[in-house]
């Protein structure tokens, strides 16, 4: 079993998949620099929080299991990072985790771009769009924030990783679709999603109660004080 969804199984997929991944990663890096979101890391307190959260997610990724190359099961933590820092810095944090894994020999440099899109940008984008939907369409309430973003958003973000990995492996002919649907997809989209939802929901609840400043998407005056 490899260490990432693609990771050390770089030779499993066609070269075109990895080329697209690197192009996508280059675009993300350019957009991150252009967004100006990185300037918030100039504050020592925010930088320390960002680095600490990144190290915590890196440690979380070391707890993994699986039965076939290219099909891994582990918690991701990208939903929590997105709620803490927004889409761009959460994606950057995920890329740093992948870089650390590759440097330690736990991932593939060739697959780094594809992994960044699949395991950093995708879950962060899903979580961010769920957050925006909840913010615009639902009442501003503490429990709606926690359940909608911390639980549902986290679960959906990981489920999308499982569905996308299934599609990639099937399209590339790495594994038969019926095998993936029987041996991988149900666990990646249900079991791991539930675990991600529970862990993220609990973490977000604790931060919202005791350290609301850590959640840039949470406004205690709007969600709690005016209720």
Foldseek 3Di string as FASTA:
>chain_A
DALALQFPVLVLFDLVLLVVLVVQVVVLVVVLVVVCLCVVCVPVVLVVLLVVLLVVQLVQSVPWDDDDHNFIFTAGCLLLVCQQRNQNSSLVSSLVSQVVCVVVVRGDPSNSSVRSVLRGNQLSVQLRVQLVCCVPPHAQAPVSNLCSRLAVSQLVSQLSSLVVSLVRCCVRVSDPSVCCVVGGNVCRNPVSSRVSSVVSSVVVVVCVVPPVNSGPSDDCVRHPVVD
